[in-house]
């Protein structure tokens, strides 16, 4: 049995300026750097930051702590327009 590929359309695209309308980052404004339509999520630049502990790889490599942007559901963002705010 073959499965159909479902393409979902989001209301925002890469490069759009958006405002977060829900969650701990509510009210903040940022630019979309990646859209993940399969999971209906977006990644906003410098928002929803998470700390990740990376184990050392191979010899003479020390582990490190990095900060990355985590995806946000696209229903929690709206297009931001400076003229209308």
Protein backbone atom coordinates (compact mmCIF):
# COMPACT_ATOMS: atom_id res chain seq x y z
CA UNK A 1 0.00 0.00 0.00
CA UNK A 2 1.47 3.32 -1.06
CA UNK A 3 1.21 6.38 1.11
CA UNK A 4 0.47 9.76 -0.36
CA UNK A 5 2.81 12.61 0.32
CA UNK A 6 0.89 15.31 2.14
CA UNK A 7 2.02 18.84 1.45
CA UNK A 8 0.91 21.38 4.01
CA UNK A 9 0.79 25.06 3.29
CA UNK A 10 1.84 27.49 5.99
CA UNK A 11 0.82 31.13 6.20
CA UNK A 12 4.44 32.27 6.67
CA UNK A 13 7.67 31.69 4.77
CA UNK A 14 11.42 31.98 5.29
CA UNK A 15 12.52 35.58 5.78
CA UNK A 16 9.16 36.85 7.07
CA UNK A 17 9.08 39.00 10.20
CA UNK A 18 6.69 37.47 12.71
CA UNK A 19 5.37 38.10 16.20
CA UNK A 20 4.92 35.28 18.72
CA UNK A 21 1.35 35.23 20.04
CA UNK A 22 1.54 32.33 22.49
CA UNK A 23 3.97 30.69 24.92
CA UNK A 24 6.85 32.00 27.01
CA UNK A 25 8.16 34.14 24.12
CA UNK A 26 4.78 35.89 23.68
CA UNK A 27 4.99 39.38 22.18
CA UNK A 28 8.52 39.04 20.85
CA UNK A 29 9.35 39.77 17.21
CA UNK A 30 11.84 37.91 14.99
CA UNK A 31 12.65 36.65 11.52
CA UNK A 32 11.91 33.12 10.32
CA UNK A 33 15.09 31.25 9.41
CA UNK A 34 13.51 27.86 8.60
CA UNK A 35 10.05 26.44 7.88
CA UNK A 36 9.23 22.78 8.55
CA UNK A 37 5.90 22.20 6.73
CA UNK A 38 5.84 18.45 7.46
CA UNK A 39 5.44 19.17 11.19
CA UNK A 40 3.76 22.58 10.76
CA UNK A 41 6.58 24.34 12.64
CA UNK A 42 8.89 27.32 12.13
CA UNK A 43 12.24 28.35 13.60
CA UNK A 44 12.53 32.03 14.54
CA UNK A 45 15.93 33.70 14.80
CA UNK A 46 17.15 34.21 18.40
CA UNK A 47 13.83 33.10 19.94
CA UNK A 48 12.84 29.92 21.80
CA UNK A 49 16.49 29.25 22.71
CA UNK A 50 17.36 25.90 24.30
CA UNK A 51 20.65 24.80 25.87
CA UNK A 52 22.13 21.57 24.53
CA UNK A 53 24.99 19.63 26.11
CA UNK A 54 27.16 18.03 23.41
CA UNK A 55 29.32 15.04 24.28
CA UNK A 56 32.95 14.99 23.14
CA UNK A 57 33.59 13.27 19.81
CA UNK A 58 36.89 11.40 19.26
CA UNK A 59 40.19 12.10 21.04
CA UNK A 60 41.24 15.53 22.34
CA UNK A 61 37.76 16.93 21.87
CA UNK A 62 36.07 18.43 24.87
CA UNK A 63 32.33 18.53 25.30
CA UNK A 64 30.54 21.84 25.07
CA UNK A 65 27.29 23.56 25.82
CA UNK A 66 25.57 25.18 22.84
CA UNK A 67 22.40 27.23 22.48
CA UNK A 68 20.06 26.47 19.58
CA UNK A 69 16.71 27.77 18.38
CA UNK A 70 13.92 25.23 18.80
CA UNK A 71 10.90 25.02 16.47
CA UNK A 72 7.63 26.79 17.30
CA UNK A 73 4.24 25.71 16.00
CA UNK A 74 3.28 27.94 13.09
CA UNK A 75 -0.14 28.59 14.64
CA UNK A 76 1.64 30.49 17.43
CA UNK A 77 3.07 33.15 15.10
CA UNK A 78 1.51 35.93 13.02
CA UNK A 79 2.98 38.15 10.34
CA UNK A 80 4.27 41.38 11.83
CA UNK A 81 3.74 44.69 10.08
CA UNK A 82 5.27 47.82 11.64
CA UNK A 83 2.59 50.05 10.09
CA UNK A 84 -0.33 48.26 11.77
CA UNK A 85 1.10 47.87 15.28
